């Protein structure tokens, strides 16, 4: 997979998957927040898709940067700010990548994690999207650095899903979810689940991109 892949096609799949799970994400968020995470994220991802379709990016990094800007504007609250920052940092790292390998994907995820930790003051175990992203990054780090982006995203998505499931055993310490305290035990974090869904969709879309 190269840095000039059809990112519009890839993002169409990502956006459709978040839309398909919008109600599930809302239900999870309702147990610890405003109950609108699915609606917010779906709206932001759709708006990003419209922007990409109107002006298709020439490079993957350009597309990711655009997604970051649109998500910041369209997704309400802290989630939009942190996700937008994560996408923009990912784009920055991938700007110089000619071929997308596991090494490049891992570096991009590390940059996204750093941005969220720095701006959100969150850590692994705080019951946030980091509980999906950090396991994903670590799983990719265990691969051959020259492995394909699809292989990397597939491994990362699997680890992210496992991390999201494990958030049911955590007590949130950040954001509105922290007000719920121990009553949140047994429920997965909506942000971690949407992160896993995004990585799963990217893995599936890059498989399709490789097959074209």
N, C-alpha and C. Protein backbone atom coordinates (compact mmCIF):
# COMPACT_ATOMS: atom_id res chain seq x y z
N UNK A 1 0.85 -1.19 0.00
CA UNK A 1 0.00 0.00 0.00
C UNK A 1 0.88 1.24 0.00
N UNK A 2 0.57 2.18 -0.87
CA UNK A 2 1.39 3.38 -1.01
C UNK A 2 0.70 4.60 -0.41
N UNK A 3 1.47 5.68 -0.33
CA UNK A 3 0.95 6.93 0.23
C UNK A 3 -0.02 7.61 -0.73
N UNK A 4 -0.16 7.09 -1.95
CA UNK A 4 -1.08 7.68 -2.93
C UNK A 4 -2.31 6.80 -3.13
N UNK A 5 -2.68 6.00 -2.13
CA UNK A 5 -3.84 5.12 -2.24
C UNK A 5 -5.13 5.94 -2.34
N UNK A 6 -6.22 5.27 -2.68
CA UNK A 6 -7.51 5.94 -2.82
C UNK A 6 -8.11 6.14 -1.42
N UNK A 7 -7.75 7.23 -0.79
CA UNK A 7 -8.19 7.45 0.58
C UNK A 7 -9.68 7.74 0.66
N UNK A 8 -10.26 8.29 -0.38
CA UNK A 8 -11.70 8.54 -0.37
C UNK A 8 -12.44 7.22 -0.22
N UNK A 9 -12.03 6.23 -0.98
CA UNK A 9 -12.66 4.91 -0.91
C UNK A 9 -12.48 4.31 0.50
N UNK A 10 -11.30 4.46 1.04
CA UNK A 10 -11.03 3.94 2.39
C UNK A 10 -11.93 4.63 3.41
N UNK A 11 -12.03 5.95 3.32
CA UNK A 11 -12.82 6.67 4.32
C UNK A 11 -14.32 6.42 4.16
N UNK A 12 -14.76 6.13 2.96
CA UNK A 12 -16.16 5.75 2.76
C UNK A 12 -16.50 4.54 3.63
N UNK A 13 -15.59 3.58 3.67
CA UNK A 13 -15.83 2.37 4.47
C UNK A 13 -15.80 2.70 5.96
N UNK A 14 -14.85 3.51 6.37
CA UNK A 14 -14.76 3.87 7.79
C UNK A 14 -16.03 4.60 8.23
N UNK A 15 -16.45 5.58 7.45
CA UNK A 15 -17.63 6.35 7.79
C UNK A 15 -18.87 5.47 7.86
N UNK A 16 -19.00 4.55 6.92
CA UNK A 16 -20.19 3.68 6.89
C UNK A 16 -20.22 2.75 8.10
N UNK A 17 -19.06 2.31 8.56
CA UNK A 17 -19.02 1.42 9.73
C UNK A 17 -19.40 2.15 11.01
N UNK A 18 -18.96 3.37 11.16
CA UNK A 18 -19.35 4.15 12.34
C UNK A 18 -20.84 4.45 12.29
N UNK A 19 -21.36 4.76 11.11
CA UNK A 19 -22.80 4.99 10.97
C UNK A 19 -23.58 3.74 11.35
N UNK A 20 -23.10 2.58 10.94
CA UNK A 20 -23.79 1.32 11.23
C UNK A 20 -23.82 1.02 12.73
N UNK A 21 -22.85 1.52 13.47
CA UNK A 21 -22.77 1.26 14.91
C UNK A 21 -23.11 2.50 15.73
N UNK A 22 -23.75 3.46 15.10
CA UNK A 22 -24.06 4.73 15.79
C UNK A 22 -24.90 4.50 17.05
N UNK A 23 -25.95 3.70 16.94
CA UNK A 23 -26.84 3.50 18.09
C UNK A 23 -26.14 2.75 19.22
N UNK A 24 -25.31 1.79 18.85
CA UNK A 24 -24.55 1.05 19.87
C UNK A 24 -23.64 1.99 20.64
N UNK A 25 -22.96 2.87 19.92
CA UNK A 25 -22.07 3.83 20.57
C UNK A 25 -22.85 4.81 21.44
N UNK A 26 -24.01 5.23 20.97
CA UNK A 26 -24.86 6.11 21.78
C UNK A 26 -25.27 5.42 23.08
N UNK A 27 -25.65 4.15 22.97
CA UNK A 27 -26.09 3.40 24.15
C UNK A 27 -24.96 3.27 25.17
N UNK A 28 -23.75 2.99 24.68
CA UNK A 28 -22.61 2.90 25.60
C UNK A 28 -22.35 4.24 26.26
N UNK A 29 -22.41 5.30 25.49
CA UNK A 29 -22.14 6.64 26.01
C UNK A 29 -23.22 7.09 26.99
N UNK A 30 -24.43 6.60 26.78
CA UNK A 30 -25.55 6.98 27.66
C UNK A 30 -25.32 6.50 29.09
N UNK A 31 -24.54 5.44 29.23
CA UNK A 31 -24.28 4.88 30.56
C UNK A 31 -23.26 5.70 31.34
N UNK A 32 -22.55 6.59 30.64
CA UNK A 32 -21.49 7.34 31.32
C UNK A 32 -21.39 8.79 30.88
N UNK A 33 -22.21 9.20 29.92
CA UNK A 33 -22.07 10.56 29.39
C UNK A 33 -23.38 11.09 28.87
N UNK A 34 -23.31 11.82 27.75
CA UNK A 34 -24.50 12.45 27.18
C UNK A 34 -25.29 11.53 26.27
N UNK A 35 -24.74 10.39 25.92
CA UNK A 35 -25.45 9.46 25.05
C UNK A 35 -25.44 9.85 23.60
N UNK A 36 -24.46 10.66 23.19
CA UNK A 36 -24.45 11.14 21.81
C UNK A 36 -23.13 10.87 21.09
N UNK A 37 -22.29 10.00 21.65
CA UNK A 37 -20.98 9.77 21.02
C UNK A 37 -21.13 9.22 19.61
N UNK A 38 -22.04 8.27 19.44
CA UNK A 38 -22.25 7.71 18.10
C UNK A 38 -22.75 8.74 17.12
N UNK A 39 -23.69 9.55 17.55
CA UNK A 39 -24.25 10.60 16.69
C UNK A 39 -23.18 11.62 16.31
N UNK A 40 -22.43 12.06 17.30
CA UNK A 40 -21.37 13.04 17.05
C UNK A 40 -20.31 12.52 16.10
N UNK A 41 -19.83 11.31 16.37
CA UNK A 41 -18.75 10.76 15.56
C UNK A 41 -19.23 10.46 14.15
N UNK A 42 -20.43 9.93 14.04
CA UNK A 42 -20.98 9.64 12.71
C UNK A 42 -21.11 10.92 11.90
N UNK A 43 -21.59 11.99 12.53
CA UNK A 43 -21.71 13.27 11.83
C UNK A 43 -20.35 13.79 11.39
N UNK A 44 -19.37 13.70 12.27
CA UNK A 44 -18.03 14.18 11.93
C UNK A 44 -17.39 13.39 10.82
N UNK A 45 -17.52 12.06 10.87
CA UNK A 45 -16.93 11.22 9.83
C UNK A 45 -17.63 11.43 8.48
N UNK A 46 -18.95 11.63 8.52
CA UNK A 46 -19.68 11.90 7.27
C UNK A 46 -19.25 13.23 6.67
N UNK A 47 -19.10 14.23 7.51
CA UNK A 47 -18.67 15.55 7.03
C UNK A 47 -17.27 15.46 6.43
N UNK A 48 -16.41 14.67 7.04
CA UNK A 48 -15.06 14.48 6.49
C UNK A 48 -15.14 13.80 5.13
N UNK A 49 -16.03 12.83 5.00
CA UNK A 49 -16.19 12.13 3.72
C UNK A 49 -16.65 13.09 2.62
N UNK A 50 -17.60 13.94 2.95
CA UNK A 50 -18.09 14.91 1.97
C UNK A 50 -16.95 15.82 1.51
N UNK A 51 -16.13 16.26 2.46
CA UNK A 51 -14.98 17.11 2.12
C UNK A 51 -14.01 16.38 1.20
N UNK A 52 -13.75 15.11 1.51
CA UNK A 52 -12.83 14.32 0.69
C UNK A 52 -13.39 14.07 -0.71
N UNK A 53 -14.69 13.84 -0.80
CA UNK A 53 -15.31 13.60 -2.10
C UNK A 53 -15.32 14.86 -2.95
N UNK A 54 -15.53 16.00 -2.30
CA UNK A 54 -15.55 17.27 -3.02
C UNK A 54 -14.18 17.64 -3.57
N UNK A 55 -13.15 17.30 -2.80
CA UNK A 55 -11.78 17.64 -3.20
C UNK A 55 -10.86 16.48 -2.82
N UNK A 56 -10.81 15.44 -3.65
CA UNK A 56 -10.02 14.24 -3.32
C UNK A 56 -8.55 14.57 -3.08
N UNK A 57 -7.99 14.07 -1.98
CA UNK A 57 -6.58 14.34 -1.68
C UNK A 57 -5.66 13.54 -2.58
N UNK A 58 -4.51 14.09 -2.87
CA UNK A 58 -3.54 13.37 -3.70
C UNK A 58 -2.73 12.37 -2.88
N UNK A 59 -2.59 12.64 -1.60
CA UNK A 59 -1.79 11.80 -0.72
C UNK A 59 -2.61 11.38 0.50
N UNK A 60 -2.28 10.21 1.04
CA UNK A 60 -2.94 9.72 2.24
C UNK A 60 -2.82 10.73 3.38
N UNK A 61 -1.63 11.28 3.56
CA UNK A 61 -1.41 12.23 4.66
C UNK A 61 -2.30 13.45 4.52
N UNK A 62 -2.51 13.91 3.29
CA UNK A 62 -3.39 15.06 3.06
C UNK A 62 -4.82 14.72 3.48
N UNK A 63 -5.25 13.51 3.15
CA UNK A 63 -6.59 13.08 3.52
C UNK A 63 -6.77 12.99 5.02
N UNK A 64 -5.79 12.43 5.70
CA UNK A 64 -5.87 12.32 7.16
C UNK A 64 -5.88 13.69 7.83
N UNK A 65 -5.09 14.62 7.29
CA UNK A 65 -5.07 15.97 7.84
C UNK A 65 -6.44 16.63 7.68
N UNK A 66 -7.06 16.41 6.53
CA UNK A 66 -8.40 16.97 6.30
C UNK A 66 -9.41 16.37 7.26
N UNK A 67 -9.34 15.06 7.44
CA UNK A 67 -10.23 14.41 8.41
C UNK A 67 -10.05 15.04 9.78
N UNK A 68 -8.80 15.26 10.18
CA UNK A 68 -8.54 15.86 11.48
C UNK A 68 -9.17 17.23 11.63
N UNK A 69 -9.06 18.05 10.61
CA UNK A 69 -9.62 19.40 10.67
C UNK A 69 -11.14 19.37 10.74
N UNK A 70 -11.76 18.52 9.92
CA UNK A 70 -13.22 18.44 9.90
C UNK A 70 -13.75 17.86 11.20
N UNK A 71 -13.11 16.82 11.70
CA UNK A 71 -13.55 16.19 12.95
C UNK A 71 -13.47 17.19 14.11
N UNK A 72 -12.42 17.99 14.14
CA UNK A 72 -12.30 19.01 15.18
C UNK A 72 -13.47 19.97 15.13
N UNK A 73 -13.89 20.34 13.93
CA UNK A 73 -14.98 21.31 13.77
C UNK A 73 -16.35 20.69 14.01
N UNK A 74 -16.53 19.43 13.64
CA UNK A 74 -17.86 18.83 13.61
C UNK A 74 -18.22 17.96 14.82
N UNK A 75 -17.22 17.37 15.46
CA UNK A 75 -17.50 16.50 16.60
C UNK A 75 -17.44 17.34 17.87
N UNK A 76 -18.53 17.38 18.59
CA UNK A 76 -18.64 18.26 19.74
C UNK A 76 -17.75 17.82 20.90
N UNK A 77 -17.35 18.80 21.69
CA UNK A 77 -16.67 18.52 22.95
C UNK A 77 -15.22 18.11 22.82
N UNK A 78 -14.74 17.53 23.91
CA UNK A 78 -13.34 17.13 23.99
C UNK A 78 -13.00 16.05 22.99
N UNK A 79 -13.95 15.17 22.70
CA UNK A 79 -13.68 14.08 21.76
C UNK A 79 -13.24 14.61 20.40
N UNK A 80 -13.93 15.64 19.91
CA UNK A 80 -13.58 16.21 18.62
C UNK A 80 -12.20 16.83 18.62
N UNK A 81 -11.88 17.53 19.69
CA UNK A 81 -10.56 18.17 19.82
C UNK A 81 -9.45 17.12 19.84
N UNK A 82 -9.64 16.07 20.64
CA UNK A 82 -8.60 15.04 20.77
C UNK A 82 -8.48 14.19 19.51
N UNK A 83 -9.62 13.79 18.95
CA UNK A 83 -9.57 13.00 17.72
C UNK A 83 -8.96 13.79 16.57
N UNK A 84 -9.37 15.05 16.46
CA UNK A 84 -8.81 15.89 15.41
C UNK A 84 -7.31 16.01 15.54
N UNK A 85 -6.84 16.22 16.76
CA UNK A 85 -5.39 16.30 17.00
C UNK A 85 -4.70 15.00 16.62
N UNK A 86 -5.34 13.87 16.97
CA UNK A 86 -4.75 12.57 16.67
C UNK A 86 -4.61 12.35 15.17
N UNK A 87 -5.65 12.68 14.42
CA UNK A 87 -5.58 12.51 12.97
C UNK A 87 -4.53 13.44 12.34
N UNK A 88 -4.44 14.65 12.83
CA UNK A 88 -3.46 15.58 12.26
C UNK A 88 -2.03 15.14 12.57
N UNK A 89 -1.80 14.62 13.76
CA UNK A 89 -0.47 14.12 14.09
C UNK A 89 -0.12 12.89 13.26
N UNK A 90 -1.11 12.04 13.05
CA UNK A 90 -0.91 10.87 12.18
C UNK A 90 -0.50 11.32 10.78
N UNK A 91 -1.20 12.32 10.28
CA UNK A 91 -0.89 12.85 8.95
C UNK A 91 0.52 13.41 8.89
N UNK A 92 0.92 14.11 9.94
CA UNK A 92 2.25 14.72 9.97
C UNK A 92 3.34 13.65 9.85
N UNK A 93 3.17 12.56 10.57
CA UNK A 93 4.17 11.49 10.54
C UNK A 93 4.21 10.81 9.18
N UNK A 94 3.05 10.65 8.56
CA UNK A 94 2.98 9.91 7.30
C UNK A 94 3.30 10.76 6.07
N UNK A 95 3.51 12.05 6.26
CA UNK A 95 3.79 12.94 5.14
C UNK A 95 5.00 12.48 4.33
N UNK A 96 6.01 11.96 5.00
CA UNK A 96 7.24 11.57 4.32
C UNK A 96 7.27 10.09 3.93
N UNK A 97 6.20 9.37 4.22
CA UNK A 97 6.19 7.93 3.92
C UNK A 97 5.80 7.68 2.46
N UNK A 98 6.63 6.97 1.73
CA UNK A 98 6.31 6.62 0.35
C UNK A 98 5.54 5.30 0.29
N UNK A 99 5.90 4.37 1.15
CA UNK A 99 5.22 3.09 1.26
C UNK A 99 4.77 2.90 2.70
N UNK A 100 3.53 2.48 2.88
CA UNK A 100 2.99 2.34 4.22
C UNK A 100 3.28 0.94 4.76
N UNK A 101 4.21 0.86 5.66
CA UNK A 101 4.60 -0.39 6.30
C UNK A 101 4.12 -0.39 7.75
N UNK A 102 4.31 -1.52 8.42
CA UNK A 102 3.96 -1.60 9.83
C UNK A 102 4.73 -0.56 10.64
N UNK A 103 5.97 -0.34 10.27
CA UNK A 103 6.78 0.66 10.97
C UNK A 103 6.15 2.04 10.87
N UNK A 104 5.69 2.41 9.68
CA UNK A 104 5.07 3.72 9.48
C UNK A 104 3.74 3.83 10.22
N UNK A 105 2.95 2.77 10.17
CA UNK A 105 1.66 2.78 10.86
C UNK A 105 1.87 2.89 12.37
N UNK A 106 2.83 2.15 12.89
CA UNK A 106 3.12 2.22 14.31
C UNK A 106 3.59 3.59 14.74
N UNK A 107 4.43 4.22 13.93
CA UNK A 107 4.91 5.57 14.24
C UNK A 107 3.75 6.57 14.23
N UNK A 108 2.83 6.39 13.28
CA UNK A 108 1.68 7.27 13.19
C UNK A 108 0.78 7.13 14.42
N UNK A 109 0.55 5.89 14.85
CA UNK A 109 -0.27 5.68 16.05
C UNK A 109 0.42 6.24 17.29
N UNK A 110 1.73 6.10 17.36
CA UNK A 110 2.46 6.66 18.50
C UNK A 110 2.28 8.17 18.58
N UNK A 111 2.31 8.83 17.43
CA UNK A 111 2.12 10.28 17.40
C UNK A 111 0.71 10.65 17.84
N UNK A 112 -0.27 9.85 17.41
CA UNK A 112 -1.66 10.09 17.81
C UNK A 112 -1.81 9.93 19.32
N UNK A 113 -1.21 8.89 19.86
CA UNK A 113 -1.26 8.63 21.30
C UNK A 113 -0.62 9.77 22.08
N UNK A 114 0.53 10.21 21.62
CA UNK A 114 1.23 11.32 22.29
C UNK A 114 0.36 12.57 22.34
N UNK A 115 -0.33 12.84 21.23
CA UNK A 115 -1.19 14.03 21.17
C UNK A 115 -2.33 13.92 22.17
N UNK A 116 -2.94 12.76 22.25
CA UNK A 116 -4.07 12.57 23.17
C UNK A 116 -3.61 12.63 24.62
N UNK A 117 -2.48 11.99 24.91
CA UNK A 117 -1.95 12.02 26.27
C UNK A 117 -1.59 13.44 26.69
N UNK A 118 -0.99 14.18 25.78
CA UNK A 118 -0.53 15.53 26.09
C UNK A 118 -1.70 16.50 26.27
N UNK A 119 -2.67 16.42 25.37
CA UNK A 119 -3.77 17.38 25.39
C UNK A 119 -4.93 16.94 26.27
N UNK A 120 -5.10 15.63 26.40
CA UNK A 120 -6.21 15.14 27.22
C UNK A 120 -5.81 14.77 28.63
N UNK A 121 -4.50 14.81 28.92
CA UNK A 121 -3.99 14.46 30.25
C UNK A 121 -4.48 13.07 30.68
N UNK A 122 -4.57 12.15 29.73
CA UNK A 122 -5.05 10.79 30.02
C UNK A 122 -3.92 9.79 29.87
N UNK A 123 -4.13 8.62 30.49
CA UNK A 123 -3.15 7.55 30.43
C UNK A 123 -3.87 6.22 30.21
N UNK A 124 -3.09 5.20 29.91
CA UNK A 124 -3.63 3.85 29.83
C UNK A 124 -4.28 3.50 31.16
N UNK A 125 -5.50 2.96 31.10
CA UNK A 125 -6.21 2.58 32.31
C UNK A 125 -7.21 3.59 32.80
N UNK A 126 -7.27 4.77 32.13
CA UNK A 126 -8.23 5.81 32.52
C UNK A 126 -9.61 5.61 31.90
N UNK A 127 -9.79 4.55 31.16
CA UNK A 127 -11.05 4.22 30.47
C UNK A 127 -11.37 5.27 29.42
N UNK A 128 -10.47 5.38 28.45
CA UNK A 128 -10.64 6.30 27.33
C UNK A 128 -10.24 5.58 26.04
N UNK A 129 -10.22 6.32 24.96
CA UNK A 129 -9.80 5.76 23.67
C UNK A 129 -8.36 5.24 23.72
N UNK A 130 -7.56 5.74 24.65
CA UNK A 130 -6.18 5.26 24.77
C UNK A 130 -6.12 3.78 25.14
N UNK A 131 -7.15 3.29 25.80
CA UNK A 131 -7.16 1.88 26.17
C UNK A 131 -7.38 0.96 24.98
N UNK A 132 -7.71 1.53 23.84
CA UNK A 132 -7.74 0.79 22.58
C UNK A 132 -6.52 1.12 21.73
N UNK A 133 -6.14 2.39 21.70
CA UNK A 133 -5.03 2.83 20.85
C UNK A 133 -3.68 2.29 21.29
N UNK A 134 -3.41 2.30 22.58
CA UNK A 134 -2.10 1.86 23.06
C UNK A 134 -1.88 0.37 22.82
N UNK A 135 -2.84 -0.50 23.12
CA UNK A 135 -2.66 -1.92 22.76
C UNK A 135 -2.48 -2.12 21.26
N UNK A 136 -3.17 -1.31 20.45
CA UNK A 136 -3.01 -1.41 19.00
C UNK A 136 -1.59 -1.07 18.59
N UNK A 137 -1.07 0.02 19.12
CA UNK A 137 0.30 0.43 18.83
C UNK A 137 1.30 -0.64 19.25
N UNK A 138 1.09 -1.20 20.43
CA UNK A 138 2.02 -2.21 20.95
C UNK A 138 1.98 -3.49 20.12
N UNK A 139 0.79 -3.86 19.65
CA UNK A 139 0.68 -5.06 18.81
C UNK A 139 1.42 -4.86 17.49
N UNK A 140 1.31 -3.68 16.92
CA UNK A 140 2.00 -3.38 15.66
C UNK A 140 3.51 -3.37 15.86
N UNK A 141 3.95 -2.90 17.02
CA UNK A 141 5.39 -2.85 17.31
C UNK A 141 6.02 -4.23 17.35
N UNK A 142 5.21 -5.26 17.58
CA UNK A 142 5.74 -6.63 17.66
C UNK A 142 5.89 -7.27 16.28
N UNK A 143 5.41 -6.61 15.24
CA UNK A 143 5.46 -7.16 13.88
C UNK A 143 6.80 -6.85 13.22
N UNK A 144 7.04 -7.54 12.10
CA UNK A 144 8.15 -7.18 11.22
C UNK A 144 7.92 -5.75 10.75
N UNK A 145 8.87 -4.84 10.94
CA UNK A 145 8.67 -3.45 10.53
C UNK A 145 8.30 -3.29 9.06
N UNK A 146 8.69 -4.26 8.23
CA UNK A 146 8.41 -4.17 6.80
C UNK A 146 7.06 -4.78 6.42
N UNK A 147 6.32 -5.29 7.40
CA UNK A 147 5.00 -5.87 7.10
C UNK A 147 4.10 -4.80 6.50
N UNK A 148 3.08 -5.24 5.78
CA UNK A 148 2.20 -4.30 5.08
C UNK A 148 1.32 -3.53 6.05
N UNK A 149 0.79 -2.42 5.56
CA UNK A 149 -0.13 -1.61 6.36
C UNK A 149 -1.36 -2.42 6.74
N UNK A 150 -1.84 -3.25 5.82
CA UNK A 150 -3.02 -4.07 6.13
C UNK A 150 -2.74 -5.03 7.27
N UNK A 151 -1.60 -5.71 7.22
CA UNK A 151 -1.23 -6.64 8.30
C UNK A 151 -1.13 -5.87 9.62
N UNK A 152 -0.52 -4.70 9.58
CA UNK A 152 -0.37 -3.89 10.78
C UNK A 152 -1.72 -3.47 11.34
N UNK A 153 -2.59 -2.98 10.47
CA UNK A 153 -3.90 -2.52 10.93
C UNK A 153 -4.75 -3.67 11.43
N UNK A 154 -4.60 -4.82 10.80
CA UNK A 154 -5.35 -6.00 11.24
C UNK A 154 -4.93 -6.39 12.67
N UNK A 155 -3.62 -6.42 12.91
CA UNK A 155 -3.13 -6.74 14.25
C UNK A 155 -3.52 -5.66 15.26
N UNK A 156 -3.41 -4.41 14.83
CA UNK A 156 -3.78 -3.31 15.70
C UNK A 156 -5.25 -3.31 16.05
N UNK A 157 -6.09 -3.60 15.06
CA UNK A 157 -7.53 -3.62 15.29
C UNK A 157 -7.93 -4.71 16.27
N UNK A 158 -7.30 -5.87 16.14
CA UNK A 158 -7.60 -6.98 17.06
C UNK A 158 -7.24 -6.59 18.50
N UNK A 159 -6.07 -6.00 18.67
CA UNK A 159 -5.64 -5.57 20.01
C UNK A 159 -6.53 -4.44 20.54
N UNK A 160 -6.94 -3.54 19.65
CA UNK A 160 -7.81 -2.44 20.06
C UNK A 160 -9.16 -2.96 20.53
N UNK A 161 -9.69 -3.95 19.83
CA UNK A 161 -10.97 -4.54 20.24
C UNK A 161 -10.84 -5.19 21.61
N UNK A 162 -9.76 -5.92 21.82
CA UNK A 162 -9.53 -6.55 23.13
C UNK A 162 -9.39 -5.49 24.22
N UNK A 163 -8.70 -4.39 23.89
CA UNK A 163 -8.55 -3.31 24.85
C UNK A 163 -9.88 -2.64 25.17
N UNK A 164 -10.71 -2.46 24.14
CA UNK A 164 -12.03 -1.85 24.35
C UNK A 164 -12.90 -2.73 25.24
N UNK A 165 -12.89 -4.02 24.99
CA UNK A 165 -13.67 -4.95 25.82
C UNK A 165 -13.21 -4.88 27.27
N UNK A 166 -11.90 -4.77 27.47
CA UNK A 166 -11.34 -4.74 28.82
C UNK A 166 -11.71 -3.47 29.59
N UNK A 167 -12.15 -2.42 28.89
CA UNK A 167 -12.52 -1.19 29.61
C UNK A 167 -13.75 -1.39 30.48
N UNK A 168 -14.49 -2.46 30.25
CA UNK A 168 -15.64 -2.76 31.11
C UNK A 168 -15.20 -3.00 32.55
N UNK A 169 -13.94 -3.35 32.74
CA UNK A 169 -13.41 -3.62 34.08
C UNK A 169 -12.72 -2.42 34.71
N UNK A 170 -12.79 -1.28 34.03
CA UNK A 170 -12.10 -0.07 34.50
C UNK A 170 -13.09 0.95 35.06
N UNK A 171 -12.60 1.79 35.95
CA UNK A 171 -13.36 2.92 36.46
C UNK A 171 -12.82 4.18 35.79
N UNK A 172 -13.69 4.91 35.13
CA UNK A 172 -13.27 6.11 34.39
C UNK A 172 -12.76 7.19 35.34
N UNK A 173 -11.70 7.85 34.92
CA UNK A 173 -11.14 8.95 35.72
C UNK A 173 -11.10 10.26 34.95
N UNK A 174 -11.58 10.26 33.70
CA UNK A 174 -11.53 11.46 32.87
C UNK A 174 -12.92 11.77 32.31
N UNK A 175 -13.20 13.04 32.13
CA UNK A 175 -14.42 13.47 31.47
C UNK A 175 -15.67 13.18 32.28
N UNK A 176 -16.82 13.29 31.60
CA UNK A 176 -18.10 13.07 32.26
C UNK A 176 -18.22 11.65 32.82
N UNK A 177 -17.57 10.71 32.16
CA UNK A 177 -17.65 9.32 32.61
C UNK A 177 -17.11 9.16 34.03
N UNK A 178 -16.21 10.05 34.44
CA UNK A 178 -15.63 9.94 35.78
C UNK A 178 -16.67 10.20 36.87
N UNK A 179 -17.75 10.92 36.53
CA UNK A 179 -18.80 11.20 37.52
C UNK A 179 -19.56 9.93 37.91
N UNK A 180 -19.55 8.96 37.02
CA UNK A 180 -20.31 7.72 37.24
C UNK A 180 -19.60 6.82 38.24
N UNK A 181 -18.28 6.88 38.25
CA UNK A 181 -17.49 6.08 39.19
C UNK A 181 -17.69 4.59 39.00
N UNK A 182 -17.87 3.88 40.11
CA UNK A 182 -17.98 2.42 40.06
C UNK A 182 -19.25 1.95 39.35
N UNK A 183 -20.23 2.83 39.20
CA UNK A 183 -21.45 2.44 38.49
C UNK A 183 -21.18 2.17 37.01
N UNK A 184 -20.02 2.62 36.53
CA UNK A 184 -19.67 2.37 35.14
C UNK A 184 -19.04 1.01 34.90
N UNK A 185 -18.74 0.29 35.97
CA UNK A 185 -18.16 -1.04 35.81
C UNK A 185 -19.14 -1.95 35.08
N UNK A 186 -18.62 -2.73 34.15
CA UNK A 186 -19.45 -3.62 33.36
C UNK A 186 -19.79 -3.06 31.99
N UNK A 187 -19.54 -1.76 31.80
CA UNK A 187 -19.82 -1.12 30.51
C UNK A 187 -18.52 -0.71 29.83
N UNK A 188 -18.42 -0.99 28.54
CA UNK A 188 -17.24 -0.59 27.79
C UNK A 188 -17.27 0.91 27.52
N UNK A 189 -16.09 1.49 27.38
CA UNK A 189 -15.99 2.91 27.06
C UNK A 189 -16.34 3.15 25.60
N UNK A 190 -17.24 4.09 25.36
CA UNK A 190 -17.69 4.35 23.99
C UNK A 190 -16.54 4.81 23.09
N UNK A 191 -15.65 5.64 23.63
CA UNK A 191 -14.52 6.12 22.83
C UNK A 191 -13.56 5.01 22.46
N UNK A 192 -13.33 4.08 23.38
CA UNK A 192 -12.46 2.94 23.07
C UNK A 192 -13.10 2.04 22.02
N UNK A 193 -14.42 1.85 22.13
CA UNK A 193 -15.12 1.01 21.15
C UNK A 193 -15.11 1.66 19.77
N UNK A 194 -15.35 2.97 19.70
CA UNK A 194 -15.33 3.64 18.39
C UNK A 194 -13.93 3.64 17.79
N UNK A 195 -12.91 3.68 18.64
CA UNK A 195 -11.53 3.58 18.16
C UNK A 195 -11.28 2.21 17.55
N UNK A 196 -11.74 1.16 18.23
CA UNK A 196 -11.60 -0.20 17.69
C UNK A 196 -12.35 -0.34 16.37
N UNK A 197 -13.55 0.22 16.30
CA UNK A 197 -14.33 0.16 15.06
C UNK A 197 -13.61 0.88 13.92
N UNK A 198 -13.02 2.02 14.22
CA UNK A 198 -12.29 2.77 13.20
C UNK A 198 -11.11 1.98 12.67
N UNK A 199 -10.34 1.37 13.57
CA UNK A 199 -9.19 0.57 13.15
C UNK A 199 -9.63 -0.68 12.39
N UNK A 200 -10.72 -1.31 12.83
CA UNK A 200 -11.23 -2.48 12.10
C UNK A 200 -11.66 -2.10 10.69
N UNK A 201 -12.31 -0.94 10.57
CA UNK A 201 -12.74 -0.48 9.25
C UNK A 201 -11.54 -0.14 8.37
N UNK A 202 -10.53 0.48 8.94
CA UNK A 202 -9.31 0.79 8.18
C UNK A 202 -8.62 -0.49 7.72
N UNK A 203 -8.59 -1.50 8.59
CA UNK A 203 -7.97 -2.77 8.22
C UNK A 203 -8.71 -3.42 7.06
N UNK A 204 -10.04 -3.42 7.13
CA UNK A 204 -10.83 -4.01 6.05
C UNK A 204 -10.68 -3.22 4.76
N UNK A 205 -10.67 -1.90 4.87
CA UNK A 205 -10.56 -1.06 3.67
C UNK A 205 -9.20 -1.18 3.01
N UNK A 206 -8.14 -1.31 3.81
CA UNK A 206 -6.81 -1.45 3.22
C UNK A 206 -6.63 -2.82 2.58
N UNK A 207 -7.33 -3.82 3.10
CA UNK A 207 -7.32 -5.13 2.44
C UNK A 207 -7.93 -5.01 1.05
N UNK A 208 -9.05 -4.30 0.98
CA UNK A 208 -9.71 -4.09 -0.31
C UNK A 208 -8.83 -3.26 -1.24
N UNK A 209 -8.12 -2.28 -0.68
CA UNK A 209 -7.25 -1.43 -1.49
C UNK A 209 -6.11 -2.24 -2.08
N UNK A 210 -5.56 -3.17 -1.30
CA UNK A 210 -4.47 -4.01 -1.79
C UNK A 210 -4.94 -4.94 -2.91
N UNK A 211 -6.22 -5.33 -2.83
CA UNK A 211 -6.75 -6.28 -3.80
C UNK A 211 -7.09 -5.63 -5.13
N UNK A 212 -7.15 -4.30 -5.16
CA UNK A 212 -7.55 -3.61 -6.39
C UNK A 212 -6.43 -3.65 -7.42
